[in-house]
C-alpha atoms as a PDB file:
ATOM      1  CA  SER A   1       0.000   0.000   0.000  1.00  0.00           C
ATOM      2  CA  ARG A   2       0.989   3.616  -0.334  1.00  0.00           C
ATOM      3  CA  PHE A   3       1.707   3.887   3.403  1.00  0.00           C
ATOM      4  CA  GLY A   4       3.327   0.448   3.813  1.00  0.00           C
ATOM      5  CA  GLY A   5       0.447  -1.229   5.646  1.00  0.00           C
ATOM      6  CA  ILE A   6      -2.013  -0.441   8.385  1.00  0.00           C
ATOM      7  CA  HIS A   7       0.603   0.220  11.087  1.00  0.00           C
ATOM      8  CA  ASN A   8       2.425   2.741   8.928  1.00  0.00           C
ATOM      9  CA  LEU A   9      -0.870   4.412   8.023  1.00  0.00           C
ATOM     10  CA  ILE A  10      -1.748   4.776  11.713  1.00  0.00           C
ATOM     11  CA  SER A  11       1.733   6.144  12.378  1.00  0.00           C
ATOM     12  CA  SER A  12       1.295   8.700   9.567  1.00  0.00           C
ATOM     13  CA  ILE A  13      -2.082   9.793  10.943  1.00  0.00           C
ATOM     14  CA  LEU A  14      -0.607  10.203  14.426  1.00  0.00           C
ATOM     15  CA  GLN A  15       2.304  12.220  13.056  1.00  0.00           C
ATOM     16  CA  ILE A  16      -0.067  14.535  11.178  1.00  0.00           C
ATOM     17  CA  ILE A  17      -2.245  15.135  14.229  1.00  0.00           C
ATOM     18  CA  ASN A  18       0.782  15.684  16.458  1.00  0.00           C
ATOM     19  CA  LYS A  19       2.296  18.186  14.011  1.00  0.00           C
ATOM     20  CA  VAL A  20      -0.931  20.197  13.905  1.00  0.00           C
ATOM     21  CA  LEU A  21      -1.184  20.236  17.702  1.00  0.00           C
ATOM     22  CA  GLN A  22       2.462  21.227  18.079  1.00  0.00           C
ATOM     23  CA  ASP A  23       1.972  23.983  15.489  1.00  0.00           C
ATOM     24  CA  LEU A  24      -0.749  25.282  17.822  1.00  0.00           C
ATOM     25  CA  SER A  25       1.815  25.345  20.684  1.00  0.00           C
ATOM     26  CA  VAL A  26       0.673  22.167  22.409  1.00  0.00           C
ATOM     27  CA  ASP A  27       3.507  20.272  24.105  1.00  0.00           C
ATOM     28  CA  SER A  28       2.432  16.863  22.788  1.00  0.00           C
ATOM     29  CA  CYS A  29       3.872  13.524  21.764  1.00  0.00           C
ATOM     30  CA  ILE A  30       2.870  10.260  20.131  1.00  0.00           C
ATOM     31  CA  ASN A  31       2.482   7.221  22.344  1.00  0.00           C
ATOM     32  CA  TYR A  32       2.582   4.033  20.259  1.00  0.00           C
ATOM     33  CA  ASP A  33       1.964   1.763  23.267  1.00  0.00           C
ATOM     34  CA  ASN A  34      -1.323   3.567  23.965  1.00  0.00           C
ATOM     35  CA  PRO A  35      -2.031   4.871  20.464  1.00  0.00           C
ATOM     36  CA  GLY A  36      -2.870   8.505  20.455  1.00  0.00           C
ATOM     37  CA  ILE A  37      -1.520  11.958  21.095  1.00  0.00           C
ATOM     38  CA  TRP A  38      -0.670  12.794  24.687  1.00  0.00           C
ATOM     39  CA  THR A  39       0.600  15.835  26.520  1.00  0.00           C
ATOM     40  CA  ASN A  40       4.204  15.831  27.702  1.00  0.00           C
ATOM     41  CA  SER A  41       3.142  16.174  31.314  1.00  0.00           C
ATOM     42  CA  ILE A  42       3.005  14.149  34.503  1.00  0.00           C
ATOM     43  CA  PRO A  43       0.604  12.491  34.298  1.00  0.00           C
ATOM     44  CA  PRO A  44       0.170  12.616  30.523  1.00  0.00           C
ATOM     45  CA  ARG A  45      -3.275  13.658  29.291  1.00  0.00           C
ATOM     46  CA  LYS A  46      -4.802  12.157  26.147  1.00  0.00           C
ATOM     47  CA  LEU A  47      -5.753  14.654  23.435  1.00  0.00           C
ATOM     48  CA  SER A  48      -6.384  12.424  20.435  1.00  0.00           C
ATOM     49  CA  ALA A  49      -7.238   8.801  19.667  1.00  0.00           C
ATOM     50  CA  VAL A  50      -6.815   6.756  16.492  1.00  0.00           C
ATOM     51  CA  GLY A  51      -8.575   3.530  15.673  1.00  0.00           C
ATOM     52  CA  MET A  52      -8.495   1.081  12.816  1.00  0.00           C
ATOM     53  CA  SER A  53      -9.956  -2.352  12.214  1.00  0.00           C
ATOM     54  CA  ASN A  54      -9.894  -4.749   9.278  1.00  0.00           C
ATOM     55  CA  LYS A  55     -12.498  -7.532   9.516  1.00  0.00           C
ATOM     56  CA  HIS A  56     -13.931  -9.724   6.802  1.00  0.00           C
ATOM     57  CA  GLY A  57     -12.449  -7.557   4.071  1.00  0.00           C
ATOM     58  CA  TYR A  58     -13.860  -4.310   5.457  1.00  0.00           C
ATOM     59  CA  THR A  59     -11.680  -1.579   6.879  1.00  0.00           C
ATOM     60  CA  MET A  60     -12.966   0.830   9.485  1.00  0.00           C
ATOM     61  CA  HIS A  61     -10.803   3.701  10.626  1.00  0.00           C
ATOM     62  CA  GLY A  62     -10.914   7.091  12.212  1.00  0.00           C
ATOM     63  CA  PHE A  63      -9.463   9.508  14.687  1.00  0.00           C
ATOM     64  CA  ALA A  64     -10.739  11.992  17.199  1.00  0.00           C
ATOM     65  CA  ILE A  65      -9.200  15.143  18.581  1.00  0.00           C
ATOM     66  CA  ASN A  66     -10.581  16.654  21.763  1.00  0.00           C
ATOM     67  CA  VAL A  67     -10.877  20.217  20.529  1.00  0.00           C
ATOM     68  CA  ASP A  68     -13.222  21.888  23.012  1.00  0.00           C
ATOM     69  CA  LEU A  69     -15.720  19.728  24.840  1.00  0.00           C
ATOM     70  CA  PRO A  70     -16.873  19.185  28.391  1.00  0.00           C
ATOM     71  CA  LEU A  71     -14.841  16.372  29.936  1.00  0.00           C
ATOM     72  CA  THR A  72     -17.531  15.360  32.426  1.00  0.00           C
ATOM     73  CA  GLY A  73     -18.571  12.419  30.229  1.00  0.00           C
ATOM     74  CA  PHE A  74     -15.132  10.889  30.624  1.00  0.00           C
ATOM     75  CA  THR A  75     -15.744  10.375  34.343  1.00  0.00           C
ATOM     76  CA  ALA A  76     -18.357   7.722  33.522  1.00  0.00           C
ATOM     77  CA  ILE A  77     -16.076   5.670  31.243  1.00  0.00           C
ATOM     78  CA  VAL A  78     -12.508   4.407  31.109  1.00  0.00           C
ATOM     79  CA  PRO A  79     -11.289   5.814  27.776  1.00  0.00           C
ATOM     80  CA  CYS A  80      -9.264   3.238  25.832  1.00  0.00           C
ATOM     81  CA  GLY A  81      -9.120   1.117  28.998  1.00  0.00           C
ATOM     82  CA  LEU A  82      -6.710   3.560  30.625  1.00  0.00           C
ATOM     83  CA  THR A  83      -7.114   5.422  33.883  1.00  0.00           C
ATOM     84  CA  LEU A  84      -5.025   8.376  32.704  1.00  0.00           C
ATOM     85  CA  PRO A  85      -6.746  11.752  32.304  1.00  0.00           C
ATOM     86  CA  VAL A  86      -7.901  13.323  29.068  1.00  0.00           C
ATOM     87  CA  SER A  87      -7.655  16.936  27.986  1.00  0.00           C
ATOM     88  CA  THR A  88      -8.684  19.247  25.188  1.00  0.00           C
ATOM     89  CA  LEU A  89      -6.949  21.600  22.815  1.00  0.00           C
ATOM     90  CA  ALA A  90      -8.785  24.471  24.502  1.00  0.00           C
ATOM     91  CA  ILE A  91      -7.476  23.490  27.946  1.00  0.00           C
ATOM     92  CA  GLU A  92      -3.912  22.974  26.762  1.00  0.00           C
ATOM     93  CA  THR A  93      -3.677  26.227  24.791  1.00  0.00           C
ATOM     94  CA  GLY A  94      -6.102  28.457  26.672  1.00  0.00           C
ATOM     95  CA  SER A  95      -7.659  29.309  23.288  1.00  0.00           C
ATOM     96  CA  GLN A  96     -10.909  28.436  21.581  1.00  0.00           C
ATOM     97  CA  TYR A  97     -10.758  26.688  18.199  1.00  0.00           C
ATOM     98  CA  ALA A  98     -13.573  25.775  15.860  1.00  0.00           C
ATOM     99  CA  VAL A  99     -13.593  22.110  14.908  1.00  0.00           C
ATOM    100  CA  SER A 100     -13.731  23.221  11.257  1.00  0.00           C
ATOM    101  CA  LYS A 101     -10.449  25.133  11.713  1.00  0.00           C
ATOM    102  CA  ILE A 102      -8.713  22.047  13.125  1.00  0.00           C
ATOM    103  CA  ALA A 103     -10.202  19.906  10.334  1.00  0.00           C
ATOM    104  CA  ASP A 104      -8.770  22.341   7.757  1.00  0.00           C
ATOM    105  CA  LEU A 105      -5.316  22.156   9.355  1.00  0.00           C
ATOM    106  CA  ILE A 106      -5.431  18.337   9.419  1.00  0.00           C
ATOM    107  CA  GLU A 107      -6.572  18.255   5.789  1.00  0.00           C
ATOM    108  CA  LYS A 108      -3.672  20.492   4.710  1.00  0.00           C
ATOM    109  CA  GLU A 109      -1.167  18.171   6.406  1.00  0.00           C
ATOM    110  CA  PHE A 110      -2.774  15.099   4.806  1.00  0.00           C
ATOM    111  CA  LEU A 111      -2.565  16.736   1.380  1.00  0.00           C
ATOM    112  CA  LYS A 112       1.154  17.424   1.883  1.00  0.00           C
ATOM    113  CA  ILE A 113       1.940  13.742   2.338  1.00  0.00           C
ATOM    114  CA  LEU A 114      -0.501  12.556  -0.324  1.00  0.00           C
ATOM    115  CA  SER A 115       0.862  14.793  -3.086  1.00  0.00           C
END
């Protein structure tokens, strides 16, 4: 495949998301053991998740970035089976961002690697 398989595709997606977040002054990193983008803090806080599945010839994939949402819902679940906290772009930067703005930035980074 163009990206060298599913694992390389996930790695590329994580790198794109991390670059966008870092460009917005978020001190973030990729954690491949717990796939996603995390803050470089103690404890680390999860900002983005990536998921992919290939079953019976069908591929399902996606990612989520916590842009600006109430985190109260996360108290009722254990996100990704981890007890570490989650955060949002708004919390980490102290700025408000429209989801459409973040989507545009992600799209631009995707287009750079696809061209």
